[in-house]
C-alpha atoms as a PDB file:
ATOM      1  CA  MET A   1      23.612  73.797  63.246  1.00  0.00           C
ATOM      2  CA  GLU A   2      27.518  73.812  63.103  1.00  0.00           C
ATOM      3  CA  THR A   3      29.200  76.914  61.554  1.00  0.00           C
ATOM      4  CA  ILE A   4      32.037  76.055  59.148  1.00  0.00           C
ATOM      5  CA  TYR A   5      33.990  78.733  57.499  1.00  0.00           C
ATOM      6  CA  PRO A   6      36.192  78.254  54.423  1.00  0.00           C
ATOM      7  CA  ARG A   7      39.648  77.336  55.727  1.00  0.00           C
ATOM      8  CA  ARG A   8      41.844  79.375  53.209  1.00  0.00           C
ATOM      9  CA  PHE A   9      41.416  82.866  51.871  1.00  0.00           C
ATOM     10  CA  GLY A  10      43.008  83.994  48.610  1.00  0.00           C
ATOM     11  CA  VAL A  11      43.414  87.086  46.333  1.00  0.00           C
ATOM     12  CA  PHE A  12      42.475  86.805  42.617  1.00  0.00           C
ATOM     13  CA  TYR A  13      44.427  88.937  39.948  1.00  0.00           C
ATOM     14  CA  ASP A  14      43.707  89.050  36.065  1.00  0.00           C
ATOM     15  CA  PHE A  15      46.182  92.058  35.312  1.00  0.00           C
ATOM     16  CA  ARG A  16      43.660  94.115  33.343  1.00  0.00           C
ATOM     17  CA  ASN A  17      44.556  97.466  32.378  1.00  0.00           C
ATOM     18  CA  PRO A  18      41.457  99.142  30.553  1.00  0.00           C
ATOM     19  CA  ALA A  19      41.519 101.990  28.102  1.00  0.00           C
ATOM     20  CA  ALA A  20      39.275 104.251  30.365  1.00  0.00           C
ATOM     21  CA  TRP A  21      41.953 103.911  33.291  1.00  0.00           C
ATOM     22  CA  ARG A  22      44.982 102.947  31.605  1.00  0.00           C
ATOM     23  CA  GLN A  23      48.451 103.150  33.212  1.00  0.00           C
ATOM     24  CA  PRO A  24      51.606 102.608  31.286  1.00  0.00           C
ATOM     25  CA  TRP A  25      51.590  98.761  31.099  1.00  0.00           C
ATOM     26  CA  PRO A  26      55.174  98.373  33.105  1.00  0.00           C
ATOM     27  CA  GLU A  27      53.860 100.634  35.777  1.00  0.00           C
ATOM     28  CA  ARG A  28      50.419  98.729  36.029  1.00  0.00           C
ATOM     29  CA  TYR A  29      52.377  95.319  36.372  1.00  0.00           C
ATOM     30  CA  ARG A  30      54.872  96.510  38.668  1.00  0.00           C
ATOM     31  CA  GLN A  31      51.998  98.065  41.148  1.00  0.00           C
ATOM     32  CA  LEU A  32      50.130  94.603  41.232  1.00  0.00           C
ATOM     33  CA  ILE A  33      53.200  92.646  41.690  1.00  0.00           C
ATOM     34  CA  ASP A  34      54.019  94.871  44.574  1.00  0.00           C
ATOM     35  CA  GLN A  35      50.855  94.627  45.996  1.00  0.00           C
ATOM     36  CA  ILE A  36      51.086  90.628  45.883  1.00  0.00           C
ATOM     37  CA  ALA A  37      54.356  91.063  47.594  1.00  0.00           C
ATOM     38  CA  TRP A  38      52.832  93.073  50.453  1.00  0.00           C
ATOM     39  CA  VAL A  39      50.106  90.783  50.786  1.00  0.00           C
ATOM     40  CA  ASP A  40      52.761  87.927  50.883  1.00  0.00           C
ATOM     41  CA  ALA A  41      54.822  89.527  53.570  1.00  0.00           C
ATOM     42  CA  GLU A  42      52.100  91.743  55.658  1.00  0.00           C
ATOM     43  CA  LEU A  43      48.666  90.193  55.535  1.00  0.00           C
ATOM     44  CA  GLU A  44      47.012  86.873  56.514  1.00  0.00           C
ATOM     45  CA  PHE A  45      46.119  85.667  53.062  1.00  0.00           C
ATOM     46  CA  ASP A  46      46.858  82.199  52.006  1.00  0.00           C
ATOM     47  CA  GLU A  47      46.936  82.022  48.329  1.00  0.00           C
ATOM     48  CA  ILE A  48      47.306  84.107  45.160  1.00  0.00           C
ATOM     49  CA  SER A  49      45.467  82.992  41.896  1.00  0.00           C
ATOM     50  CA  ILE A  50      45.997  84.245  38.185  1.00  0.00           C
ATOM     51  CA  SER A  51      43.612  83.918  35.523  1.00  0.00           C
ATOM     52  CA  GLU A  52      43.836  83.778  31.551  1.00  0.00           C
ATOM     53  CA  HIS A  53      42.126  85.177  28.583  1.00  0.00           C
ATOM     54  CA  HIS A  54      43.339  86.165  24.975  1.00  0.00           C
ATOM     55  CA  PHE A  55      42.856  88.998  22.484  1.00  0.00           C
ATOM     56  CA  LEU A  56      41.039  91.214  24.980  1.00  0.00           C
ATOM     57  CA  ASP A  57      41.107  94.988  24.929  1.00  0.00           C
ATOM     58  CA  ASP A  58      41.559  95.460  28.734  1.00  0.00           C
ATOM     59  CA  GLY A  59      44.745  93.326  28.526  1.00  0.00           C
ATOM     60  CA  TRP A  60      43.413  90.328  30.501  1.00  0.00           C
ATOM     61  CA  THR A  61      46.675  88.326  30.783  1.00  0.00           C
ATOM     62  CA  PRO A  62      47.238  85.786  28.440  1.00  0.00           C
ATOM     63  CA  SER A  63      50.246  84.630  30.448  1.00  0.00           C
ATOM     64  CA  PRO A  64      49.432  83.379  33.891  1.00  0.00           C
ATOM     65  CA  LEU A  65      52.414  81.096  34.228  1.00  0.00           C
ATOM     66  CA  VAL A  66      54.709  83.838  33.406  1.00  0.00           C
ATOM     67  CA  LEU A  67      53.107  85.983  35.974  1.00  0.00           C
ATOM     68  CA  ALA A  68      52.970  83.034  38.423  1.00  0.00           C
ATOM     69  CA  ALA A  69      56.743  82.819  38.209  1.00  0.00           C
ATOM     70  CA  ALA A  70      57.223  86.406  38.632  1.00  0.00           C
ATOM     71  CA  VAL A  71      54.949  86.043  41.863  1.00  0.00           C
ATOM     72  CA  ALA A  72      57.055  83.185  43.041  1.00  0.00           C
ATOM     73  CA  SER A  73      60.121  85.391  42.959  1.00  0.00           C
ATOM     74  CA  ARG A  74      58.725  88.187  45.061  1.00  0.00           C
ATOM     75  CA  THR A  75      57.004  86.117  47.704  1.00  0.00           C
ATOM     76  CA  SER A  76      57.860  83.216  50.149  1.00  0.00           C
ATOM     77  CA  ARG A  77      54.841  81.967  51.708  1.00  0.00           C
ATOM     78  CA  VAL A  78      51.523  82.040  49.908  1.00  0.00           C
ATOM     79  CA  GLY A  79      50.263  79.301  47.853  1.00  0.00           C
ATOM     80  CA  ILE A  80      50.227  80.352  43.777  1.00  0.00           C
ATOM     81  CA  ALA A  81      47.614  79.045  41.502  1.00  0.00           C
ATOM     82  CA  THR A  82      46.523  79.284  37.935  1.00  0.00           C
ATOM     83  CA  ASN A  83      42.469  80.153  38.193  1.00  0.00           C
ATOM     84  CA  ILE A  84      42.205  79.122  35.373  1.00  0.00           C
ATOM     85  CA  ILE A  85      44.491  78.277  32.497  1.00  0.00           C
ATOM     86  CA  GLN A  86      42.239  77.348  29.176  1.00  0.00           C
ATOM     87  CA  LEU A  87      43.857  73.863  28.508  1.00  0.00           C
ATOM     88  CA  PRO A  88      42.456  73.179  25.137  1.00  0.00           C
ATOM     89  CA  LEU A  89      44.223  76.364  23.825  1.00  0.00           C
ATOM     90  CA  HIS A  90      47.712  75.045  24.818  1.00  0.00           C
ATOM     91  CA  GLN A  91      50.143  72.256  23.919  1.00  0.00           C
ATOM     92  CA  PRO A  92      50.042  70.150  27.268  1.00  0.00           C
ATOM     93  CA  LEU A  93      53.597  69.111  27.490  1.00  0.00           C
ATOM     94  CA  ARG A  94      54.570  73.152  27.461  1.00  0.00           C
ATOM     95  CA  ILE A  95      52.215  73.546  30.213  1.00  0.00           C
ATOM     96  CA  ALA A  96      53.603  70.806  32.268  1.00  0.00           C
ATOM     97  CA  GLU A  97      57.010  71.944  31.635  1.00  0.00           C
ATOM     98  CA  ASP A  98      56.063  75.671  32.580  1.00  0.00           C
ATOM     99  CA  ALA A  99      54.138  74.418  35.753  1.00  0.00           C
ATOM    100  CA  LEU A 100      57.135  72.296  37.035  1.00  0.00           C
ATOM    101  CA  THR A 101      59.358  75.251  36.607  1.00  0.00           C
ATOM    102  CA  VAL A 102      56.976  77.547  38.367  1.00  0.00           C
ATOM    103  CA  ASP A 103      56.581  74.532  41.296  1.00  0.00           C
ATOM    104  CA  ILE A 104      60.560  74.769  41.603  1.00  0.00           C
ATOM    105  CA  LEU A 105      60.686  78.601  41.671  1.00  0.00           C
ATOM    106  CA  SER A 106      58.043  78.755  44.311  1.00  0.00           C
ATOM    107  CA  GLN A 107      59.404  75.829  46.454  1.00  0.00           C
ATOM    108  CA  GLY A 108      56.426  73.726  45.867  1.00  0.00           C
ATOM    109  CA  ARG A 109      53.630  76.511  46.577  1.00  0.00           C
ATOM    110  CA  PHE A 110      52.240  76.179  42.874  1.00  0.00           C
ATOM    111  CA  ARG A 111      48.974  74.577  41.953  1.00  0.00           C
ATOM    112  CA  LEU A 112      47.735  74.124  38.136  1.00  0.00           C
ATOM    113  CA  GLY A 113      44.211  74.929  37.802  1.00  0.00           C
ATOM    114  CA  VAL A 114      42.660  74.583  34.346  1.00  0.00           C
ATOM    115  CA  ALA A 115      39.441  74.820  32.575  1.00  0.00           C
ATOM    116  CA  ALA A 116      37.823  74.245  29.111  1.00  0.00           C
ATOM    117  CA  GLY A 117      37.190  77.793  27.999  1.00  0.00           C
ATOM    118  CA  TYR A 118      34.305  79.309  26.175  1.00  0.00           C
ATOM    119  CA  ARG A 119      35.133  82.366  24.150  1.00  0.00           C
ATOM    120  CA  GLU A 120      35.123  81.392  20.247  1.00  0.00           C
ATOM    121  CA  GLU A 121      37.393  84.123  19.402  1.00  0.00           C
ATOM    122  CA  GLU A 122      40.076  82.768  21.596  1.00  0.00           C
ATOM    123  CA  PHE A 123      39.859  79.289  19.858  1.00  0.00           C
ATOM    124  CA  ALA A 124      39.762  80.827  16.440  1.00  0.00           C
ATOM    125  CA  GLY A 125      42.561  82.940  16.914  1.00  0.00           C
ATOM    126  CA  LEU A 126      44.714  80.118  18.344  1.00  0.00           C
ATOM    127  CA  GLY A 127      43.685  77.805  15.765  1.00  0.00           C
ATOM    128  CA  VAL A 128      41.583  75.565  17.825  1.00  0.00           C
ATOM    129  CA  ARG A 129      38.236  73.987  17.216  1.00  0.00           C
ATOM    130  CA  LEU A 130      35.637  74.852  20.081  1.00  0.00           C
ATOM    131  CA  GLY A 131      33.867  71.654  19.513  1.00  0.00           C
ATOM    132  CA  ASP A 132      37.169  69.742  20.460  1.00  0.00           C
ATOM    133  CA  ARG A 133      37.447  71.307  23.834  1.00  0.00           C
ATOM    134  CA  GLY A 134      36.083  68.291  25.814  1.00  0.00           C
ATOM    135  CA  SER A 135      38.360  65.768  24.338  1.00  0.00           C
ATOM    136  CA  LEU A 136      41.230  68.209  24.333  1.00  0.00           C
ATOM    137  CA  MET A 137      40.635  68.624  28.118  1.00  0.00           C
ATOM    138  CA  ASP A 138      40.646  64.730  28.860  1.00  0.00           C
ATOM    139  CA  GLU A 139      44.040  64.244  26.686  1.00  0.00           C
ATOM    140  CA  GLY A 140      45.625  67.381  28.271  1.00  0.00           C
ATOM    141  CA  ILE A 141      45.000  66.353  31.785  1.00  0.00           C
ATOM    142  CA  ALA A 142      46.180  62.566  30.894  1.00  0.00           C
ATOM    143  CA  ILE A 143      49.447  63.890  29.510  1.00  0.00           C
ATOM    144  CA  ILE A 144      50.104  66.473  32.222  1.00  0.00           C
ATOM    145  CA  ARG A 145      49.587  63.540  34.973  1.00  0.00           C
ATOM    146  CA  LYS A 146      52.101  61.555  33.336  1.00  0.00           C
ATOM    147  CA  ALA A 147      54.618  64.360  32.917  1.00  0.00           C
ATOM    148  CA  PHE A 148      54.195  65.269  36.552  1.00  0.00           C
ATOM    149  CA  ALA A 149      55.104  61.611  37.511  1.00  0.00           C
ATOM    150  CA  GLY A 150      58.775  62.340  36.358  1.00  0.00           C
ATOM    151  CA  GLU A 151      58.956  59.000  34.331  1.00  0.00           C
ATOM    152  CA  PRO A 152      59.255  58.149  30.670  1.00  0.00           C
ATOM    153  CA  PHE A 153      56.104  58.071  28.769  1.00  0.00           C
ATOM    154  CA  ALA A 154      54.696  57.813  25.314  1.00  0.00           C
ATOM    155  CA  PHE A 155      51.032  59.202  24.386  1.00  0.00           C
ATOM    156  CA  SER A 156      48.829  58.379  21.523  1.00  0.00           C
ATOM    157  CA  GLY A 157      45.406  60.265  21.259  1.00  0.00           C
ATOM    158  CA  ARG A 158      43.199  61.860  18.910  1.00  0.00           C
ATOM    159  CA  HIS A 159      44.849  65.360  19.190  1.00  0.00           C
ATOM    160  CA  TRP A 160      48.152  64.479  20.602  1.00  0.00           C
ATOM    161  CA  SER A 161      50.567  61.861  20.033  1.00  0.00           C
ATOM    162  CA  PHE A 162      54.378  61.359  20.730  1.00  0.00           C
ATOM    163  CA  PRO A 163      57.020  58.748  21.290  1.00  0.00           C
ATOM    164  CA  GLU A 164      58.579  57.940  24.673  1.00  0.00           C
ATOM    165  CA  LEU A 165      59.895  60.974  26.340  1.00  0.00           C
ATOM    166  CA  THR A 166      60.624  62.495  29.740  1.00  0.00           C
ATOM    167  CA  VAL A 167      59.674  65.973  30.809  1.00  0.00           C
ATOM    168  CA  ALA A 168      62.057  67.964  32.663  1.00  0.00           C
ATOM    169  CA  PRO A 169      62.479  69.431  35.134  1.00  0.00           C
ATOM    170  CA  GLY A 170      61.318  66.813  37.270  1.00  0.00           C
ATOM    171  CA  PRO A 171      58.841  67.135  39.920  1.00  0.00           C
ATOM    172  CA  MET A 172      59.853  68.272  43.250  1.00  0.00           C
ATOM    173  CA  ARG A 173      57.161  66.234  45.231  1.00  0.00           C
ATOM    174  CA  PRO A 174      55.569  62.767  44.169  1.00  0.00           C
ATOM    175  CA  GLY A 175      53.305  63.373  41.368  1.00  0.00           C
ATOM    176  CA  GLY A 176      54.056  67.207  40.979  1.00  0.00           C
ATOM    177  CA  PRO A 177      51.779  70.238  41.585  1.00  0.00           C
ATOM    178  CA  GLU A 178      47.967  69.204  42.103  1.00  0.00           C
ATOM    179  CA  ILE A 179      45.696  69.799  39.191  1.00  0.00           C
ATOM    180  CA  TRP A 180      42.373  71.577  39.901  1.00  0.00           C
ATOM    181  CA  LEU A 181      39.634  71.711  37.293  1.00  0.00           C
ATOM    182  CA  GLY A 182      37.186  74.326  36.846  1.00  0.00           C
ATOM    183  CA  GLY A 183      33.619  74.851  34.872  1.00  0.00           C
ATOM    184  CA  ARG A 184      30.040  75.186  35.363  1.00  0.00           C
ATOM    185  CA  ALA A 185      28.187  72.914  32.789  1.00  0.00           C
ATOM    186  CA  ARG A 186      27.637  69.221  33.943  1.00  0.00           C
ATOM    187  CA  PRO A 187      30.171  67.928  31.740  1.00  0.00           C
ATOM    188  CA  ALA A 188      32.819  70.146  33.672  1.00  0.00           C
ATOM    189  CA  LEU A 189      31.550  69.312  37.082  1.00  0.00           C
ATOM    190  CA  GLU A 190      31.755  65.518  36.177  1.00  0.00           C
ATOM    191  CA  ARG A 191      35.231  65.862  34.608  1.00  0.00           C
ATOM    192  CA  ALA A 192      36.464  67.819  37.714  1.00  0.00           C
ATOM    193  CA  ALA A 193      34.986  65.145  40.015  1.00  0.00           C
ATOM    194  CA  ALA A 194      36.626  62.068  38.134  1.00  0.00           C
ATOM    195  CA  GLN A 195      39.955  63.679  37.077  1.00  0.00           C
ATOM    196  CA  GLY A 196      40.778  66.718  39.467  1.00  0.00           C
ATOM    197  CA  ASP A 197      42.690  67.002  42.585  1.00  0.00           C
ATOM    198  CA  GLY A 198      40.286  69.957  43.330  1.00  0.00           C
ATOM    199  CA  PHE A 199      37.622  72.146  41.932  1.00  0.00           C
ATOM    200  CA  MET A 200      37.280  75.791  41.041  1.00  0.00           C
ATOM    201  CA  ALA A 201      33.965  77.480  41.060  1.00  0.00           C
ATOM    202  CA  SER A 202      32.292  80.973  40.717  1.00  0.00           C
ATOM    203  CA  SER A 203      29.264  80.114  42.677  1.00  0.00           C
ATOM    204  CA  ASN A 204      28.281  77.995  46.076  1.00  0.00           C
ATOM    205  CA  ASP A 205      25.774  76.211  43.504  1.00  0.00           C
ATOM    206  CA  ASP A 206      28.585  75.051  41.402  1.00  0.00           C
ATOM    207  CA  VAL A 207      30.467  73.719  44.465  1.00  0.00           C
ATOM    208  CA  THR A 208      27.088  71.881  45.252  1.00  0.00           C
ATOM    209  CA  GLY A 209      26.936  70.347  41.766  1.00  0.00           C
ATOM    210  CA  TYR A 210      30.623  69.080  41.956  1.00  0.00           C
ATOM    211  CA  LEU A 211      30.252  67.427  45.429  1.00  0.00           C
ATOM    212  CA  ALA A 212      27.098  65.664  44.038  1.00  0.00           C
ATOM    213  CA  ALA A 213      28.904  64.550  41.108  1.00  0.00           C
ATOM    214  CA  ARG A 214      31.698  63.178  43.396  1.00  0.00           C
ATOM    215  CA  ARG A 215      29.144  61.212  45.425  1.00  0.00           C
ATOM    216  CA  GLN A 216      27.615  59.688  42.132  1.00  0.00           C
ATOM    217  CA  LEU A 217      31.425  58.332  41.529  1.00  0.00           C
ATOM    218  CA  GLY A 218      31.650  57.090  44.819  1.00  0.00           C
ATOM    219  CA  PHE A 219      33.898  59.609  46.360  1.00  0.00           C
ATOM    220  CA  GLU A 220      31.816  60.417  49.116  1.00  0.00           C
ATOM    221  CA  ASP A 221      33.906  59.328  52.053  1.00  0.00           C
ATOM    222  CA  ALA A 222      37.193  61.004  50.454  1.00  0.00           C
ATOM    223  CA  PRO A 223      37.984  64.651  51.381  1.00  0.00           C
ATOM    224  CA  ALA A 224      37.177  67.125  48.578  1.00  0.00           C
ATOM    225  CA  LYS A 225      39.087  70.276  48.006  1.00  0.00           C
ATOM    226  CA  THR A 226      36.995  73.350  46.564  1.00  0.00           C
ATOM    227  CA  MET A 227      37.559  76.849  45.737  1.00  0.00           C
ATOM    228  CA  ARG A 228      35.180  79.689  44.941  1.00  0.00           C
ATOM    229  CA  THR A 229      36.048  83.145  43.335  1.00  0.00           C
ATOM    230  CA  ALA A 230      33.704  85.619  44.322  1.00  0.00           C
ATOM    231  CA  ARG A 231      32.783  89.196  43.289  1.00  0.00           C
ATOM    232  CA  LEU A 232      32.263  90.120  46.844  1.00  0.00           C
ATOM    233  CA  ILE A 233      33.653  93.585  47.851  1.00  0.00           C
ATOM    234  CA  ILE A 234      34.418  93.806  51.633  1.00  0.00           C
ATOM    235  CA  ASP A 235      34.725  97.222  52.725  1.00  0.00           C
ATOM    236  CA  GLU A 236      34.429  99.207  56.032  1.00  0.00           C
ATOM    237  CA  ASP A 237      32.001 101.432  54.421  1.00  0.00           C
ATOM    238  CA  PRO A 238      29.909  99.669  51.610  1.00  0.00           C
ATOM    239  CA  GLU A 239      28.203 102.677  50.464  1.00  0.00           C
ATOM    240  CA  ARG A 240      31.441 104.619  49.681  1.00  0.00           C
ATOM    241  CA  ALA A 241      32.753 101.474  48.094  1.00  0.00           C
ATOM    242  CA  LEU A 242      29.807 101.332  45.698  1.00  0.00           C
ATOM    243  CA  GLU A 243      30.265 105.063  44.920  1.00  0.00           C
ATOM    244  CA  GLU A 244      33.832 104.755  44.143  1.00  0.00           C
ATOM    245  CA  LEU A 245      33.693 101.460  42.352  1.00  0.00           C
ATOM    246  CA  SER A 246      30.456 101.634  40.478  1.00  0.00           C
ATOM    247  CA  GLU A 247      32.141 102.225  37.035  1.00  0.00           C
ATOM    248  CA  HIS A 248      34.609  99.474  37.618  1.00  0.00           C
ATOM    249  CA  MET A 249      31.970  97.049  38.629  1.00  0.00           C
ATOM    250  CA  LEU A 250      29.834  97.834  35.670  1.00  0.00           C
ATOM    251  CA  PHE A 251      33.122  97.478  33.229  1.00  0.00           C
ATOM    252  CA  HIS A 252      33.657  94.103  34.846  1.00  0.00           C
ATOM    253  CA  VAL A 253      30.159  92.522  34.095  1.00  0.00           C
ATOM    254  CA  ASN A 254      29.463  94.249  30.895  1.00  0.00           C
ATOM    255  CA  GLU A 255      32.575  92.650  29.545  1.00  0.00           C
ATOM    256  CA  TYR A 256      31.403  89.202  30.331  1.00  0.00           C
ATOM    257  CA  ILE A 257      28.027  90.182  28.532  1.00  0.00           C
ATOM    258  CA  GLU A 258      30.102  91.240  25.477  1.00  0.00           C
ATOM    259  CA  TYR A 259      31.933  87.803  26.066  1.00  0.00           C
ATOM    260  CA  GLY A 260      28.675  85.925  25.746  1.00  0.00           C
ATOM    261  CA  PHE A 261      29.224  84.394  29.201  1.00  0.00           C
ATOM    262  CA  VAL A 262      26.267  86.627  30.673  1.00  0.00           C
ATOM    263  CA  LYS A 263      23.136  86.521  28.454  1.00  0.00           C
ATOM    264  CA  ARG A 264      21.193  89.942  29.135  1.00  0.00           C
ATOM    265  CA  PRO A 265      21.456  93.578  27.884  1.00  0.00           C
ATOM    266  CA  ARG A 266      24.368  95.559  29.308  1.00  0.00           C
ATOM    267  CA  TYR A 267      24.080  97.237  32.899  1.00  0.00           C
ATOM    268  CA  THR A 268      24.033 101.014  33.420  1.00  0.00           C
ATOM    269  CA  ASP A 269      23.567 101.236  37.000  1.00  0.00           C
ATOM    270  CA  ALA A 270      25.770  99.293  39.461  1.00  0.00           C
ATOM    271  CA  ARG A 271      22.951  99.102  42.075  1.00  0.00           C
ATOM    272  CA  ASP A 272      21.124  96.719  39.457  1.00  0.00           C
ATOM    273  CA  LEU A 273      24.436  94.556  39.611  1.00  0.00           C
ATOM    274  CA  ILE A 274      23.771  94.084  43.330  1.00  0.00           C
ATOM    275  CA  ARG A 275      19.990  93.609  42.926  1.00  0.00           C
ATOM    276  CA  ASP A 276      20.833  90.864  40.104  1.00  0.00           C
ATOM    277  CA  GLY A 277      23.602  89.119  42.154  1.00  0.00           C
ATOM    278  CA  GLN A 278      26.224  89.959  39.812  1.00  0.00           C
ATOM    279  CA  PHE A 279      28.103  91.780  42.686  1.00  0.00           C
ATOM    280  CA  ASP A 280      27.843  91.842  46.441  1.00  0.00           C
ATOM    281  CA  ILE A 281      29.314  94.429  48.657  1.00  0.00           C
ATOM    282  CA  VAL A 282      29.377  94.311  52.487  1.00  0.00           C
ATOM    283  CA  ASP A 283      31.229  94.944  55.577  1.00  0.00           C
ATOM    284  CA  ALA A 284      33.076  92.595  57.800  1.00  0.00           C
ATOM    285  CA  GLU A 285      30.069  91.195  59.528  1.00  0.00           C
ATOM    286  CA  GLY A 286      28.405  90.622  56.082  1.00  0.00           C
ATOM    287  CA  ALA A 287      31.351  89.025  54.709  1.00  0.00           C
ATOM    288  CA  LEU A 288      31.310  86.454  57.534  1.00  0.00           C
ATOM    289  CA  ASP A 289      27.531  85.853  56.895  1.00  0.00           C
ATOM    290  CA  ARG A 290      28.644  85.213  53.078  1.00  0.00           C
ATOM    291  CA  LEU A 291      31.571  83.108  54.103  1.00  0.00           C
ATOM    292  CA  ARG A 292      29.375  80.836  56.553  1.00  0.00           C
ATOM    293  CA  THR A 293      27.097  80.103  53.595  1.00  0.00           C
ATOM    294  CA  ALA A 294      29.948  79.197  51.324  1.00  0.00           C
ATOM    295  CA  GLY A 295      31.403  77.027  54.055  1.00  0.00           C
ATOM    296  CA  ALA A 296      27.970  75.258  54.578  1.00  0.00           C
ATOM    297  CA  ALA A 297      27.918  74.559  50.593  1.00  0.00           C
ATOM    298  CA  GLY A 298      31.338  73.001  50.894  1.00  0.00           C
ATOM    299  CA  VAL A 299      33.682  75.869  49.930  1.00  0.00           C
ATOM    300  CA  HIS A 300      37.167  75.154  51.438  1.00  0.00           C
ATOM    301  CA  GLU A 301      39.030  77.933  49.881  1.00  0.00           C
ATOM    302  CA  PHE A 302      37.449  81.627  48.984  1.00  0.00           C
ATOM    303  CA  HIS A 303      39.149  84.126  46.580  1.00  0.00           C
ATOM    304  CA  VAL A 304      38.141  87.776  46.235  1.00  0.00           C
ATOM    305  CA  TYR A 305      39.557  90.333  43.728  1.00  0.00           C
ATOM    306  CA  GLY A 306      42.789  92.185  44.496  1.00  0.00           C
ATOM    307  CA  VAL A 307      41.640  95.098  42.113  1.00  0.00           C
ATOM    308  CA  LEU A 308      38.717  95.356  39.919  1.00  0.00           C
ATOM    309  CA  PRO A 309      39.491  96.440  36.226  1.00  0.00           C
ATOM    310  CA  GLY A 310      41.413  99.847  36.085  1.00  0.00           C
ATOM    311  CA  GLU A 311      40.762 100.329  39.952  1.00  0.00           C
ATOM    312  CA  PRO A 312      43.547 102.347  41.630  1.00  0.00           C
ATOM    313  CA  LEU A 313      46.056 100.105  43.694  1.00  0.00           C
ATOM    314  CA  ASP A 314      45.421 102.296  46.817  1.00  0.00           C
ATOM    315  CA  SER A 315      41.569 101.368  47.253  1.00  0.00           C
ATOM    316  CA  GLY A 316      42.274  97.770  46.413  1.00  0.00           C
ATOM    317  CA  SER A 317      45.173  97.773  49.005  1.00  0.00           C
ATOM    318  CA  ARG A 318      42.779  99.366  51.727  1.00  0.00           C
ATOM    319  CA  ARG A 319      40.087  96.614  51.403  1.00  0.00           C
ATOM    320  CA  LEU A 320      42.653  93.697  51.541  1.00  0.00           C
ATOM    321  CA  ASP A 321      43.957  95.310  54.607  1.00  0.00           C
ATOM    322  CA  TYR A 322      40.608  95.438  55.997  1.00  0.00           C
ATOM    323  CA  ILE A 323      39.832  91.814  55.279  1.00  0.00           C
ATOM    324  CA  SER A 324      43.132  90.641  56.755  1.00  0.00           C
ATOM    325  CA  ASN A 325      42.553  92.604  59.966  1.00  0.00           C
ATOM    326  CA  LYS A 326      38.556  92.226  60.536  1.00  0.00           C
ATOM    327  CA  VAL A 327      37.452  89.299  58.580  1.00  0.00           C
ATOM    328  CA  LEU A 328      40.594  86.578  58.460  1.00  0.00           C
ATOM    329  CA  PRO A 329      41.091  86.386  62.193  1.00  0.00           C
ATOM    330  CA  THR A 330      37.284  85.227  63.054  1.00  0.00           C
ATOM    331  CA  LEU A 331      37.766  82.774  60.222  1.00  0.00           C
ATOM    332  CA  ARG A 332      41.017  81.391  61.699  1.00  0.00           C
ATOM    333  CA  LEU A 333      39.367  81.032  65.096  1.00  0.00           C
ATOM    334  CA  GLY A 334      36.254  79.528  63.635  1.00  0.00           C
ATOM    335  CA  TRP A 335      38.178  76.789  61.662  1.00  0.00           C
ATOM    336  CA  SER A 336      40.366  76.125  64.520  1.00  0.00           C
ATOM    337  CA  ALA A 337      37.534  75.635  66.856  1.00  0.00           C
ATOM    338  CA  THR A 338      35.761  73.446  64.328  1.00  0.00           C
ATOM    339  CA  VAL A 339      38.760  71.158  63.956  1.00  0.00           C
ATOM    340  CA  ALA A 340      39.168  71.013  67.760  1.00  0.00           C
ATOM    341  CA  ARG A 341      35.561  69.927  68.070  1.00  0.00           C
ATOM    342  CA  HIS A 342      35.933  67.183  65.547  1.00  0.00           C
ATOM    343  CA  GLU A 343      38.961  65.914  67.052  1.00  0.00           C
ATOM    344  CA  GLU A 344      37.370  65.655  70.465  1.00  0.00           C
ATOM    345  CA  GLU A 345      34.419  63.732  68.941  1.00  0.00           C
ATOM    346  CA  GLY A 346      36.755  61.619  66.806  1.00  0.00           C
ATOM    347  CA  THR A 347      34.750  62.654  63.530  1.00  0.00           C
ATOM    348  CA  ASN A 348      36.107  63.601  60.307  1.00  0.00           C
ATOM    349  CA  VAL A 349      36.269  67.641  59.728  1.00  0.00           C
ATOM    350  CA  GLU A 350      35.395  67.384  56.000  1.00  0.00           C
END
């Protein structure tokens, strides 16, 4: 059976700064942006992705497009993506304007990733009905597509209506930045298959479901773009990593339990996180095994955390350096061999 690795590897950031390990906010942000600049200049990663949440004590960033602009100013090579923006919480014309601005600042390296969101507190705080998120997603995507075309347009919908206007700045490439969609529920997979340029997932199974939805819509022959963000810790010494990171891992998963995203009691032992598949800790050889499995499921781009919540930057940077030197070269060779083999056979690498 042919081995196919993901072709791109990225680093995910949420800019959290929990109270238990809190640094002054300017210092934490400076360190994270410095780390991203180092990843761009010195390591072999392809992408930086930035997430969004609101009203959380740990400071999960509510402003991914602001940070994407900051990343654009400190980098020259890596792609920059939102992973994700909760589109129903925003005025879509403003998202389009900011996304086009970031794309210009990054010289075309930006990708807009959006999803529907799920936390009632965020919707209530921003005055949006959670029950409207599906229709808000559909209208928002349609509006952003029209805005990215760079032509005058009007819109009349259930949530948004406005007379003819033109969004500026105009796109620096036809159609503007790609729009990728994320989600786990069946409607989200179907929406991503029908409306997105790519799909963002948190598991291999989600990718499989998305690809099945594409086939049902008749897109089986069209190349699919997929990305997975994984709670995969890749370290030269997995036992040391577990000891160093156990409290940060527990905080991360227990927060998702508090959000209602994970339905179970809070964890108290980090080894139970690994037992239950909430986290995985492996060395380079183990990482390549996990990446082979992801590639076989159809994952084309794979992201890991730059740092866990509250983790010191030094340990996160140590892991990123290890991945860049011990994992990514094998991925590059494996993907190059796959491409060469398919070119020789005259078949589609997808």
